[in-house]
Amino acid sequence: MFLLQDAGGVLRSDLKMSVTSWFLVSSSGTRHRLPREMIFVGREDCELMLQSRSVDKQHAVINYDASADEHLVKDLGSLNGTFVNDLRIPNQTYITLKLSDVIRFGYDILPQNRLVV
């Protein structure tokens, strides 16, 4: 049984869970809700599809760690890289995302995304 308290935004249960939703916000203002599960980012057949020639078909993955209540991003060995705050992240290595991080997939400026609550 879960008890949701609106005053403090606290969710109480036997499991530690957040009631906060995270979003990727594109430079055009489009909001993509990050689910509490793994999503693939890429050009084709992905949960988050980006129309950029510098983005691979399966470019990166964003995963949710329920035990730590945080989202993580991992580059899947893409040609043009995945960047967090303008730093290229190593291939096949999960990086923990924080509020206001800027995530870029490939080299185009247009698909730049900002993680916000």
PDB file of N, CA and C in Angstrom:
ATOM      1  N   MET A   1       0.833  -1.189   0.000  1.00  0.00           N
ATOM      2  CA  MET A   1       0.000   0.000   0.000  1.00  0.00           C
ATOM      3  C   MET A   1       0.872   1.244   0.000  1.00  0.00           C
ATOM      4  N   PHE A   2       0.509   2.212  -0.815  1.00  0.00           N
ATOM      5  CA  PHE A   2       1.244   3.462  -0.912  1.00  0.00           C
ATOM      6  C   PHE A   2       0.405   4.585  -0.352  1.00  0.00           C
ATOM      7  N   LEU A   3       1.073   5.500   0.319  1.00  0.00           N
ATOM      8  CA  LEU A   3       0.413   6.703   0.828  1.00  0.00           C
ATOM      9  C   LEU A   3       1.107   7.897   0.206  1.00  0.00           C
ATOM     10  N   LEU A   4       0.390   8.653  -0.568  1.00  0.00           N
ATOM     11  CA  LEU A   4       0.940   9.825  -1.226  1.00  0.00           C
ATOM     12  C   LEU A   4       0.510  11.066  -0.473  1.00  0.00           C
ATOM     13  N   GLN A   5       1.495  11.834   0.003  1.00  0.00           N
ATOM     14  CA  GLN A   5       1.206  13.075   0.723  1.00  0.00           C
ATOM     15  C   GLN A   5       1.526  14.245  -0.192  1.00  0.00           C
ATOM     16  N   ASP A   6       0.524  15.087  -0.424  1.00  0.00           N
ATOM     17  CA  ASP A   6       0.753  16.194  -1.343  1.00  0.00           C
ATOM     18  C   ASP A   6       1.485  17.363  -0.710  1.00  0.00           C
ATOM     19  N   ALA A   7       1.419  17.520   0.603  1.00  0.00           N
ATOM     20  CA  ALA A   7       2.040  18.678   1.259  1.00  0.00           C
ATOM     21  C   ALA A   7       3.553  18.682   1.070  1.00  0.00           C
ATOM     22  N   GLY A   8       4.184  17.555   1.353  1.00  0.00           N
ATOM     23  CA  GLY A   8       5.637  17.489   1.214  1.00  0.00           C
ATOM     24  C   GLY A   8       6.082  16.772  -0.031  1.00  0.00           C
ATOM     25  N   GLY A   9       5.142  16.273  -0.822  1.00  0.00           N
ATOM     26  CA  GLY A   9       5.511  15.518  -2.011  1.00  0.00           C
ATOM     27  C   GLY A   9       6.213  14.224  -1.669  1.00  0.00           C
ATOM     28  N   VAL A  10       5.812  13.602  -0.575  1.00  0.00           N
ATOM     29  CA  VAL A  10       6.516  12.415  -0.096  1.00  0.00           C
ATOM     30  C   VAL A  10       5.694  11.180  -0.407  1.00  0.00           C
ATOM     31  N   LEU A  11       6.343  10.176  -0.932  1.00  0.00           N
ATOM     32  CA  LEU A  11       5.707   8.895  -1.178  1.00  0.00           C
ATOM     33  C   LEU A  11       6.233   7.927  -0.140  1.00  0.00           C
ATOM     34  N   ARG A  12       5.330   7.339   0.647  1.00  0.00           N
ATOM     35  CA  ARG A  12       5.766   6.422   1.697  1.00  0.00           C
ATOM     36  C   ARG A  12       5.355   5.009   1.338  1.00  0.00           C
ATOM     37  N   SER A  13       6.279   4.095   1.490  1.00  0.00           N
ATOM     38  CA  SER A  13       6.017   2.680   1.275  1.00  0.00           C
ATOM     39  C   SER A  13       7.217   1.921   1.798  1.00  0.00           C
ATOM     40  N   ASP A  14       7.236   0.631   1.535  1.00  0.00           N
ATOM     41  CA  ASP A  14       8.403  -0.155   1.902  1.00  0.00           C
ATOM     42  C   ASP A  14       9.545   0.077   0.921  1.00  0.00           C
ATOM     43  N   LEU A  15       9.230   0.635  -0.236  1.00  0.00           N
ATOM     44  CA  LEU A  15      10.239   0.908  -1.245  1.00  0.00           C
ATOM     45  C   LEU A  15      10.542   2.395  -1.273  1.00  0.00           C
ATOM     46  N   LYS A  16      11.807   2.727  -1.473  1.00  0.00           N
ATOM     47  CA  LYS A  16      12.183   4.134  -1.615  1.00  0.00           C
ATOM     48  C   LYS A  16      11.937   4.527  -3.069  1.00  0.00           C
ATOM     49  N   MET A  17      10.978   5.424  -3.278  1.00  0.00           N
ATOM     50  CA  MET A  17      10.666   5.867  -4.632  1.00  0.00           C
ATOM     51  C   MET A  17      10.418   7.365  -4.624  1.00  0.00           C
ATOM     52  N   SER A  18      10.716   7.980  -5.726  1.00  0.00           N
ATOM     53  CA  SER A  18      10.485   9.412  -5.870  1.00  0.00           C
ATOM     54  C   SER A  18       9.174   9.647  -6.608  1.00  0.00           C
ATOM     55  N   VAL A  19       8.491  10.718  -6.274  1.00  0.00           N
ATOM     56  CA  VAL A  19       7.295  11.100  -7.018  1.00  0.00           C
ATOM     57  C   VAL A  19       7.641  12.146  -8.073  1.00  0.00           C
ATOM     58  N   THR A  20       8.882  12.533  -8.154  1.00  0.00           N
ATOM     59  CA  THR A  20       9.320  13.541  -9.102  1.00  0.00           C
ATOM     60  C   THR A  20       9.487  12.919 -10.481  1.00  0.00           C
ATOM     61  N   SER A  21       8.974  13.583 -11.493  1.00  0.00           N
ATOM     62  CA  SER A  21       9.178  13.145 -12.869  1.00  0.00           C
ATOM     63  C   SER A  21      10.319  13.945 -13.477  1.00  0.00           C
ATOM     64  N   TRP A  22      11.131  13.277 -14.268  1.00  0.00           N
ATOM     65  CA  TRP A  22      12.236  13.921 -14.961  1.00  0.00           C
ATOM     66  C   TRP A  22      11.886  14.010 -16.432  1.00  0.00           C
ATOM     67  N   PHE A  23      12.350  15.078 -17.076  1.00  0.00           N
ATOM     68  CA  PHE A  23      12.083  15.299 -18.484  1.00  0.00           C
ATOM     69  C   PHE A  23      13.371  15.669 -19.197  1.00  0.00           C
ATOM     70  N   LEU A  24      13.474  15.280 -20.470  1.00  0.00           N
ATOM     71  CA  LEU A  24      14.456  15.846 -21.376  1.00  0.00           C
ATOM     72  C   LEU A  24      13.735  16.951 -22.124  1.00  0.00           C
ATOM     73  N   VAL A  25      14.313  18.134 -22.131  1.00  0.00           N
ATOM     74  CA  VAL A  25      13.705  19.265 -22.822  1.00  0.00           C
ATOM     75  C   VAL A  25      14.623  19.650 -23.976  1.00  0.00           C
ATOM     76  N   SER A  26      14.108  19.553 -25.195  1.00  0.00           N
ATOM     77  CA  SER A  26      14.927  19.882 -26.358  1.00  0.00           C
ATOM     78  C   SER A  26      15.074  21.395 -26.481  1.00  0.00           C
ATOM     79  N   SER A  27      15.993  21.815 -27.335  1.00  0.00           N
ATOM     80  CA  SER A  27      16.218  23.251 -27.519  1.00  0.00           C
ATOM     81  C   SER A  27      14.984  23.942 -28.089  1.00  0.00           C
ATOM     82  N   SER A  28      14.088  23.178 -28.727  1.00  0.00           N
ATOM     83  CA  SER A  28      12.842  23.763 -29.242  1.00  0.00           C
ATOM     84  C   SER A  28      11.749  23.814 -28.182  1.00  0.00           C
ATOM     85  N   GLY A  29      12.032  23.260 -26.987  1.00  0.00           N
ATOM     86  CA  GLY A  29      11.065  23.288 -25.898  1.00  0.00           C
ATOM     87  C   GLY A  29      10.223  22.031 -25.765  1.00  0.00           C
ATOM     88  N   THR A  30      10.415  21.056 -26.655  1.00  0.00           N
ATOM     89  CA  THR A  30       9.676  19.799 -26.570  1.00  0.00           C
ATOM     90  C   THR A  30      10.128  19.019 -25.347  1.00  0.00           C
ATOM     91  N   ARG A  31       9.140  18.559 -24.564  1.00  0.00           N
ATOM     92  CA  ARG A  31       9.448  17.807 -23.340  1.00  0.00           C
ATOM     93  C   ARG A  31       9.227  16.313 -23.575  1.00  0.00           C
ATOM     94  N   HIS A  32      10.237  15.515 -23.197  1.00  0.00           N
ATOM     95  CA  HIS A  32      10.160  14.065 -23.283  1.00  0.00           C
ATOM     96  C   HIS A  32      10.272  13.524 -21.858  1.00  0.00           C
ATOM     97  N   ARG A  33       9.195  12.929 -21.351  1.00  0.00           N
ATOM     98  CA  ARG A  33       9.219  12.383 -19.990  1.00  0.00           C
ATOM     99  C   ARG A  33      10.133  11.168 -19.946  1.00  0.00           C
ATOM    100  N   LEU A  34      11.008  11.131 -18.953  1.00  0.00           N
ATOM    101  CA  LEU A  34      11.876   9.973 -18.767  1.00  0.00           C
ATOM    102  C   LEU A  34      11.155   8.960 -17.892  1.00  0.00           C
ATOM    103  N   PRO A  35      10.857   7.791 -18.435  1.00  0.00           N
ATOM    104  CA  PRO A  35      10.181   6.776 -17.624  1.00  0.00           C
ATOM    105  C   PRO A  35      11.155   6.143 -16.642  1.00  0.00           C
ATOM    106  N   ARG A  36      10.614   5.429 -15.701  1.00  0.00           N
ATOM    107  CA  ARG A  36      11.454   4.729 -14.723  1.00  0.00           C
ATOM    108  C   ARG A  36      11.809   3.349 -15.261  1.00  0.00           C
ATOM    109  N   GLU A  37      12.406   3.347 -16.439  1.00  0.00           N
ATOM    110  CA  GLU A  37      12.867   2.133 -17.103  1.00  0.00           C
ATOM    111  C   GLU A  37      13.881   2.540 -18.159  1.00  0.00           C
ATOM    112  N   MET A  38      14.473   1.564 -18.825  1.00  0.00           N
ATOM    113  CA  MET A  38      15.481   1.833 -19.835  1.00  0.00           C
ATOM    114  C   MET A  38      14.825   2.305 -21.134  1.00  0.00           C
ATOM    115  N   ILE A  39      15.395   3.361 -21.726  1.00  0.00           N
ATOM    116  CA  ILE A  39      14.955   3.793 -23.053  1.00  0.00           C
ATOM    117  C   ILE A  39      16.181   3.939 -23.949  1.00  0.00           C
ATOM    118  N   PHE A  40      15.982   3.661 -25.225  1.00  0.00           N
ATOM    119  CA  PHE A  40      17.041   3.816 -26.207  1.00  0.00           C
ATOM    120  C   PHE A  40      16.865   5.137 -26.935  1.00  0.00           C
ATOM    121  N   VAL A  41      18.005   5.781 -27.237  1.00  0.00           N
ATOM    122  CA  VAL A  41      18.031   7.047 -27.963  1.00  0.00           C
ATOM    123  C   VAL A  41      18.747   6.793 -29.277  1.00  0.00           C
ATOM    124  N   GLY A  42      18.154   7.219 -30.367  1.00  0.00           N
ATOM    125  CA  GLY A  42      18.794   7.022 -31.661  1.00  0.00           C
ATOM    126  C   GLY A  42      17.958   7.566 -32.791  1.00  0.00           C
ATOM    127  N   ARG A  43      18.355   7.179 -34.007  1.00  0.00           N
ATOM    128  CA  ARG A  43      17.698   7.686 -35.204  1.00  0.00           C
ATOM    129  C   ARG A  43      16.501   6.834 -35.617  1.00  0.00           C
ATOM    130  N   GLU A  44      16.535   5.530 -35.331  1.00  0.00           N
ATOM    131  CA  GLU A  44      15.476   4.635 -35.797  1.00  0.00           C
ATOM    132  C   GLU A  44      15.073   3.660 -34.703  1.00  0.00           C
ATOM    133  N   ASP A  45      13.785   3.336 -34.667  1.00  0.00           N
ATOM    134  CA  ASP A  45      13.250   2.298 -33.777  1.00  0.00           C
ATOM    135  C   ASP A  45      13.711   2.444 -32.330  1.00  0.00           C
ATOM    136  N   CYS A  46      13.702   3.658 -31.808  1.00  0.00           N
ATOM    137  CA  CYS A  46      14.082   3.923 -30.421  1.00  0.00           C
ATOM    138  C   CYS A  46      12.938   4.649 -29.720  1.00  0.00           C
ATOM    139  N   GLU A  47      12.923   4.580 -28.399  1.00  0.00           N
ATOM    140  CA  GLU A  47      11.895   5.287 -27.638  1.00  0.00           C
ATOM    141  C   GLU A  47      12.022   6.803 -27.796  1.00  0.00           C
ATOM    142  N   LEU A  48      13.248   7.297 -27.902  1.00  0.00           N
ATOM    143  CA  LEU A  48      13.491   8.720 -28.164  1.00  0.00           C
ATOM    144  C   LEU A  48      14.252   8.811 -29.482  1.00  0.00           C
ATOM    145  N   MET A  49      13.553   9.233 -30.546  1.00  0.00           N
ATOM    146  CA  MET A  49      14.167   9.301 -31.872  1.00  0.00           C
ATOM    147  C   MET A  49      14.566  10.734 -32.189  1.00  0.00           C
ATOM    148  N   LEU A  50      15.814  10.903 -32.631  1.00  0.00           N
ATOM    149  CA  LEU A  50      16.358  12.210 -32.996  1.00  0.00           C
ATOM    150  C   LEU A  50      16.683  12.206 -34.479  1.00  0.00           C
ATOM    151  N   GLN A  51      16.250  13.223 -35.178  1.00  0.00           N
ATOM    152  CA  GLN A  51      16.476  13.338 -36.618  1.00  0.00           C
ATOM    153  C   GLN A  51      17.755  14.123 -36.868  1.00  0.00           C
ATOM    154  N   SER A  52      18.871  13.441 -36.767  1.00  0.00           N
ATOM    155  CA  SER A  52      20.163  14.075 -36.998  1.00  0.00           C
ATOM    156  C   SER A  52      21.085  13.065 -37.660  1.00  0.00           C
ATOM    157  N   ARG A  53      21.819  13.518 -38.648  1.00  0.00           N
ATOM    158  CA  ARG A  53      22.753  12.620 -39.340  1.00  0.00           C
ATOM    159  C   ARG A  53      23.904  12.207 -38.435  1.00  0.00           C
ATOM    160  N   SER A  54      24.148  12.956 -37.363  1.00  0.00           N
ATOM    161  CA  SER A  54      25.267  12.625 -36.472  1.00  0.00           C
ATOM    162  C   SER A  54      24.858  11.671 -35.351  1.00  0.00           C
ATOM    163  N   VAL A  55      23.586  11.260 -35.347  1.00  0.00           N
ATOM    164  CA  VAL A  55      23.084  10.321 -34.338  1.00  0.00           C
ATOM    165  C   VAL A  55      22.990   8.941 -34.975  1.00  0.00           C
ATOM    166  N   ASP A  56      23.564   7.932 -34.303  1.00  0.00           N
ATOM    167  CA  ASP A  56      23.510   6.553 -34.793  1.00  0.00           C
ATOM    168  C   ASP A  56      22.098   5.988 -34.666  1.00  0.00           C
ATOM    169  N   LYS A  57      21.857   4.862 -35.348  1.00  0.00           N
ATOM    170  CA  LYS A  57      20.539   4.213 -35.263  1.00  0.00           C
ATOM    171  C   LYS A  57      20.189   3.888 -33.821  1.00  0.00           C
ATOM    172  N   GLN A  58      21.115   3.298 -33.090  1.00  0.00           N
ATOM    173  CA  GLN A  58      20.996   3.120 -31.633  1.00  0.00           C
ATOM    174  C   GLN A  58      22.222   3.784 -31.027  1.00  0.00           C
ATOM    175  N   HIS A  59      22.044   4.982 -30.551  1.00  0.00           N
ATOM    176  CA  HIS A  59      23.145   5.858 -30.154  1.00  0.00           C
ATOM    177  C   HIS A  59      23.507   5.729 -28.671  1.00  0.00           C
ATOM    178  N   ALA A  60      22.486   5.771 -27.813  1.00  0.00           N
ATOM    179  CA  ALA A  60      22.716   5.777 -26.361  1.00  0.00           C
ATOM    180  C   ALA A  60      21.521   5.138 -25.666  1.00  0.00           C
ATOM    181  N   VAL A  61      21.691   4.904 -24.379  1.00  0.00           N
ATOM    182  CA  VAL A  61      20.598   4.385 -23.559  1.00  0.00           C
ATOM    183  C   VAL A  61      20.519   5.242 -22.301  1.00  0.00           C
ATOM    184  N   ILE A  62      19.288   5.523 -21.865  1.00  0.00           N
ATOM    185  CA  ILE A  62      19.065   6.193 -20.580  1.00  0.00           C
ATOM    186  C   ILE A  62      18.339   5.193 -19.702  1.00  0.00           C
ATOM    187  N   ASN A  63      18.911   4.901 -18.558  1.00  0.00           N
ATOM    188  CA  ASN A  63      18.369   3.880 -17.661  1.00  0.00           C
ATOM    189  C   ASN A  63      17.994   4.517 -16.329  1.00  0.00           C
ATOM    190  N   TYR A  64      17.079   3.880 -15.637  1.00  0.00           N
ATOM    191  CA  TYR A  64      16.657   4.347 -14.314  1.00  0.00           C
ATOM    192  C   TYR A  64      17.094   3.330 -13.277  1.00  0.00           C
ATOM    193  N   ASP A  65      17.793   3.786 -12.246  1.00  0.00           N
ATOM    194  CA  ASP A  65      18.210   2.944 -11.127  1.00  0.00           C
ATOM    195  C   ASP A  65      17.254   3.204  -9.973  1.00  0.00           C
ATOM    196  N   ALA A  66      16.337   2.258  -9.737  1.00  0.00           N
ATOM    197  CA  ALA A  66      15.308   2.447  -8.708  1.00  0.00           C
ATOM    198  C   ALA A  66      15.906   2.503  -7.310  1.00  0.00           C
ATOM    199  N   SER A  67      16.959   1.734  -7.052  1.00  0.00           N
ATOM    200  CA  SER A  67      17.533   1.713  -5.705  1.00  0.00           C
ATOM    201  C   SER A  67      18.166   3.050  -5.334  1.00  0.00           C
ATOM    202  N   ALA A  68      18.706   3.757  -6.325  1.00  0.00           N
ATOM    203  CA  ALA A  68      19.324   5.068  -6.074  1.00  0.00           C
ATOM    204  C   ALA A  68      18.406   6.220  -6.485  1.00  0.00           C
ATOM    205  N   ASP A  69      17.276   5.903  -7.130  1.00  0.00           N
ATOM    206  CA  ASP A  69      16.322   6.902  -7.617  1.00  0.00           C
ATOM    207  C   ASP A  69      17.022   7.942  -8.494  1.00  0.00           C
ATOM    208  N   GLU A  70      17.720   7.449  -9.535  1.00  0.00           N
ATOM    209  CA  GLU A  70      18.429   8.346 -10.436  1.00  0.00           C
ATOM    210  C   GLU A  70      18.448   7.779 -11.855  1.00  0.00           C
ATOM    211  N   HIS A  71      18.621   8.671 -12.813  1.00  0.00           N
ATOM    212  CA  HIS A  71      18.746   8.293 -14.212  1.00  0.00           C
ATOM    213  C   HIS A  71      20.224   8.308 -14.592  1.00  0.00           C
ATOM    214  N   LEU A  72      20.581   7.396 -15.499  1.00  0.00           N
ATOM    215  CA  LEU A  72      21.953   7.281 -15.971  1.00  0.00           C
ATOM    216  C   LEU A  72      21.937   7.222 -17.488  1.00  0.00           C
ATOM    217  N   VAL A  73      22.989   7.721 -18.125  1.00  0.00           N
ATOM    218  CA  VAL A  73      23.100   7.672 -19.576  1.00  0.00           C
ATOM    219  C   VAL A  73      24.365   6.901 -19.938  1.00  0.00           C
ATOM    220  N   LYS A  74      24.280   6.141 -21.047  1.00  0.00           N
ATOM    221  CA  LYS A  74      25.433   5.376 -21.529  1.00  0.00           C
ATOM    222  C   LYS A  74      25.480   5.477 -23.048  1.00  0.00           C
ATOM    223  N   ASP A  75      26.645   5.814 -23.590  1.00  0.00           N
ATOM    224  CA  ASP A  75      26.851   5.818 -25.032  1.00  0.00           C
ATOM    225  C   ASP A  75      27.060   4.379 -25.485  1.00  0.00           C
ATOM    226  N   LEU A  76      26.434   3.989 -26.586  1.00  0.00           N
ATOM    227  CA  LEU A  76      26.499   2.607 -27.065  1.00  0.00           C
ATOM    228  C   LEU A  76      27.578   2.412 -28.128  1.00  0.00           C
ATOM    229  N   GLY A  77      28.658   3.177 -28.042  1.00  0.00           N
ATOM    230  CA  GLY A  77      29.741   3.061 -29.013  1.00  0.00           C
ATOM    231  C   GLY A  77      29.463   3.844 -30.284  1.00  0.00           C
ATOM    232  N   SER A  78      28.747   4.939 -30.153  1.00  0.00           N
ATOM    233  CA  SER A  78      28.371   5.745 -31.320  1.00  0.00           C
ATOM    234  C   SER A  78      29.597   6.396 -31.955  1.00  0.00           C
ATOM    235  N   LEU A  79      29.472   6.702 -33.234  1.00  0.00           N
ATOM    236  CA  LEU A  79      30.566   7.334 -33.967  1.00  0.00           C
ATOM    237  C   LEU A  79      30.844   8.751 -33.471  1.00  0.00           C
ATOM    238  N   ASN A  80      29.786   9.528 -33.213  1.00  0.00           N
ATOM    239  CA  ASN A  80      29.944  10.946 -32.876  1.00  0.00           C
ATOM    240  C   ASN A  80      29.776  11.276 -31.401  1.00  0.00           C
ATOM    241  N   GLY A  81      29.570  10.276 -30.561  1.00  0.00           N
ATOM    242  CA  GLY A  81      29.607  10.466 -29.122  1.00  0.00           C
ATOM    243  C   GLY A  81      28.345  11.001 -28.476  1.00  0.00           C
ATOM    244  N   THR A  82      28.326  10.848 -27.156  1.00  0.00           N
ATOM    245  CA  THR A  82      27.296  11.402 -26.284  1.00  0.00           C
ATOM    246  C   THR A  82      28.011  12.305 -25.294  1.00  0.00           C
ATOM    247  N   PHE A  83      27.465  13.488 -25.064  1.00  0.00           N
ATOM    248  CA  PHE A  83      28.119  14.499 -24.243  1.00  0.00           C
ATOM    249  C   PHE A  83      27.214  14.913 -23.090  1.00  0.00           C
ATOM    250  N   VAL A  84      27.790  15.037 -21.905  1.00  0.00           N
ATOM    251  CA  VAL A  84      27.091  15.584 -20.744  1.00  0.00           C
ATOM    252  C   VAL A  84      27.861  16.825 -20.328  1.00  0.00           C
ATOM    253  N   ASN A  85      27.197  17.968 -20.372  1.00  0.00           N
ATOM    254  CA  ASN A  85      27.835  19.258 -20.063  1.00  0.00           C
ATOM    255  C   ASN A  85      29.089  19.476 -20.907  1.00  0.00           C
ATOM    256  N   ASP A  86      28.972  19.174 -22.202  1.00  0.00           N
ATOM    257  CA  ASP A  86      30.029  19.343 -23.205  1.00  0.00           C
ATOM    258  C   ASP A  86      31.232  18.430 -23.015  1.00  0.00           C
ATOM    259  N   LEU A  87      31.156  17.457 -22.126  1.00  0.00           N
ATOM    260  CA  LEU A  87      32.227  16.474 -21.959  1.00  0.00           C
ATOM    261  C   LEU A  87      31.772  15.153 -22.557  1.00  0.00           C
ATOM    262  N   ARG A  88      32.581  14.620 -23.477  1.00  0.00           N
ATOM    263  CA  ARG A  88      32.231  13.336 -24.100  1.00  0.00           C
ATOM    264  C   ARG A  88      32.342  12.230 -23.060  1.00  0.00           C
ATOM    265  N   ILE A  89      31.296  11.416 -22.964  1.00  0.00           N
ATOM    266  CA  ILE A  89      31.329  10.332 -21.986  1.00  0.00           C
ATOM    267  C   ILE A  89      31.951   9.099 -22.636  1.00  0.00           C
ATOM    268  N   PRO A  90      32.651   8.272 -21.862  1.00  0.00           N
ATOM    269  CA  PRO A  90      33.271   7.066 -22.421  1.00  0.00           C
ATOM    270  C   PRO A  90      32.204   6.092 -22.929  1.00  0.00           C
ATOM    271  N   ASN A  91      32.545   5.357 -23.987  1.00  0.00           N
ATOM    272  CA  ASN A  91      31.641   4.335 -24.505  1.00  0.00           C
ATOM    273  C   ASN A  91      31.363   3.280 -23.448  1.00  0.00           C
ATOM    274  N   GLN A  92      30.129   2.796 -23.427  1.00  0.00           N
ATOM    275  CA  GLN A  92      29.715   1.676 -22.578  1.00  0.00           C
ATOM    276  C   GLN A  92      29.924   1.935 -21.082  1.00  0.00           C
ATOM    277  N   THR A  93      29.885   3.196 -20.666  1.00  0.00           N
ATOM    278  CA  THR A  93      30.040   3.553 -19.257  1.00  0.00           C
ATOM    279  C   THR A  93      28.852   4.404 -18.828  1.00  0.00           C
ATOM    280  N   TYR A  94      28.154   3.974 -17.774  1.00  0.00           N
ATOM    281  CA  TYR A  94      27.020   4.751 -17.279  1.00  0.00           C
ATOM    282  C   TYR A  94      27.501   5.991 -16.533  1.00  0.00           C
ATOM    283  N   ILE A  95      26.855   7.129 -16.812  1.00  0.00           N
ATOM    284  CA  ILE A  95      27.111   8.399 -16.142  1.00  0.00           C
ATOM    285  C   ILE A  95      25.806   8.827 -15.471  1.00  0.00           C
ATOM    286  N   THR A  96      25.877   9.157 -14.179  1.00  0.00           N
ATOM    287  CA  THR A  96      24.691   9.597 -13.441  1.00  0.00           C
ATOM    288  C   THR A  96      24.320  11.012 -13.862  1.00  0.00           C
ATOM    289  N   LEU A  97      23.033  11.212 -14.143  1.00  0.00           N
ATOM    290  CA  LEU A  97      22.542  12.526 -14.551  1.00  0.00           C
ATOM    291  C   LEU A  97      22.043  13.310 -13.350  1.00  0.00           C
ATOM    292  N   LYS A  98      22.278  14.628 -13.400  1.00  0.00           N
ATOM    293  CA  LYS A  98      21.819  15.533 -12.347  1.00  0.00           C
ATOM    294  C   LYS A  98      20.924  16.597 -12.981  1.00  0.00           C
ATOM    295  N   LEU A  99      20.137  17.261 -12.153  1.00  0.00           N
ATOM    296  CA  LEU A  99      19.286  18.332 -12.656  1.00  0.00           C
ATOM    297  C   LEU A  99      20.115  19.379 -13.383  1.00  0.00           C
ATOM    298  N   SER A 100      19.588  19.881 -14.460  1.00  0.00           N
ATOM    299  CA  SER A 100      20.199  20.925 -15.288  1.00  0.00           C
ATOM    300  C   SER A 100      21.390  20.445 -16.095  1.00  0.00           C
ATOM    301  N   ASP A 101      21.674  19.132 -16.116  1.00  0.00           N
ATOM    302  CA  ASP A 101      22.709  18.629 -17.012  1.00  0.00           C
ATOM    303  C   ASP A 101      22.273  18.862 -18.451  1.00  0.00           C
ATOM    304  N   VAL A 102      23.240  19.174 -19.311  1.00  0.00           N
ATOM    305  CA  VAL A 102      22.974  19.330 -20.735  1.00  0.00           C
ATOM    306  C   VAL A 102      23.528  18.103 -21.439  1.00  0.00           C
ATOM    307  N   ILE A 103      22.645  17.390 -22.133  1.00  0.00           N
ATOM    308  CA  ILE A 103      23.024  16.158 -22.816  1.00  0.00           C
ATOM    309  C   ILE A 103      22.949  16.410 -24.313  1.00  0.00           C
ATOM    310  N   ARG A 104      23.999  16.025 -25.013  1.00  0.00           N
ATOM    311  CA  ARG A 104      24.018  16.169 -26.473  1.00  0.00           C
ATOM    312  C   ARG A 104      24.362  14.826 -27.083  1.00  0.00           C
ATOM    313  N   PHE A 105      23.617  14.446 -28.111  1.00  0.00           N
ATOM    314  CA  PHE A 105      23.852  13.198 -28.835  1.00  0.00           C
ATOM    315  C   PHE A 105      24.386  13.564 -30.216  1.00  0.00           C
ATOM    316  N   GLY A 106      25.647  13.212 -30.496  1.00  0.00           N
ATOM    317  CA  GLY A 106      26.267  13.584 -31.760  1.00  0.00           C
ATOM    318  C   GLY A 106      26.797  15.001 -31.714  1.00  0.00           C
ATOM    319  N   TYR A 107      27.095  15.554 -32.891  1.00  0.00           N
ATOM    320  CA  TYR A 107      27.738  16.871 -32.922  1.00  0.00           C
ATOM    321  C   TYR A 107      26.794  18.019 -33.242  1.00  0.00           C
ATOM    322  N   ASP A 108      25.564  17.735 -33.650  1.00  0.00           N
ATOM    323  CA  ASP A 108      24.635  18.816 -33.974  1.00  0.00           C
ATOM    324  C   ASP A 108      24.225  19.576 -32.720  1.00  0.00           C
ATOM    325  N   ILE A 109      24.057  20.871 -32.851  1.00  0.00           N
ATOM    326  CA  ILE A 109      23.582  21.700 -31.745  1.00  0.00           C
ATOM    327  C   ILE A 109      22.074  21.523 -31.557  1.00  0.00           C
ATOM    328  N   LEU A 110      21.318  21.341 -32.632  1.00  0.00           N
ATOM    329  CA  LEU A 110      19.858  21.292 -32.547  1.00  0.00           C
ATOM    330  C   LEU A 110      19.302  20.202 -31.642  1.00  0.00           C
ATOM    331  N   PRO A 111      19.836  18.952 -31.628  1.00  0.00           N
ATOM    332  CA  PRO A 111      19.222  17.956 -30.748  1.00  0.00           C
ATOM    333  C   PRO A 111      19.709  18.042 -29.310  1.00  0.00           C
ATOM    334  N   GLN A 112      20.281  19.168 -28.938  1.00  0.00           N
ATOM    335  CA  GLN A 112      20.772  19.317 -27.569  1.00  0.00           C
ATOM    336  C   GLN A 112      19.594  19.281 -26.600  1.00  0.00           C
ATOM    337  N   ASN A 113      19.767  18.581 -25.506  1.00  0.00           N
ATOM    338  CA  ASN A 113      18.686  18.412 -24.542  1.00  0.00           C
ATOM    339  C   ASN A 113      19.166  18.797 -23.158  1.00  0.00           C
ATOM    340  N   ARG A 114      18.220  19.273 -22.348  1.00  0.00           N
ATOM    341  CA  ARG A 114      18.521  19.649 -20.974  1.00  0.00           C
ATOM    342  C   ARG A 114      17.615  18.834 -20.073  1.00  0.00           C
ATOM    343  N   LEU A 115      18.186  18.187 -19.083  1.00  0.00           N
ATOM    344  CA  LEU A 115      17.419  17.369 -18.158  1.00  0.00           C
ATOM    345  C   LEU A 115      16.868  18.255 -17.061  1.00  0.00           C
ATOM    346  N   VAL A 116      15.544  18.257 -16.904  1.00  0.00           N
ATOM    347  CA  VAL A 116      14.909  19.089 -15.885  1.00  0.00           C
ATOM    348  C   VAL A 116      13.848  18.290 -15.159  1.00  0.00           C
ATOM    349  N   VAL A 117      13.491  18.744 -13.954  1.00  0.00           N
ATOM    350  CA  VAL A 117      12.371  18.138 -13.222  1.00  0.00           C
ATOM    351  C   VAL A 117      11.106  18.857 -13.610  1.00  0.00           C
TER     352      VAL A 117
END
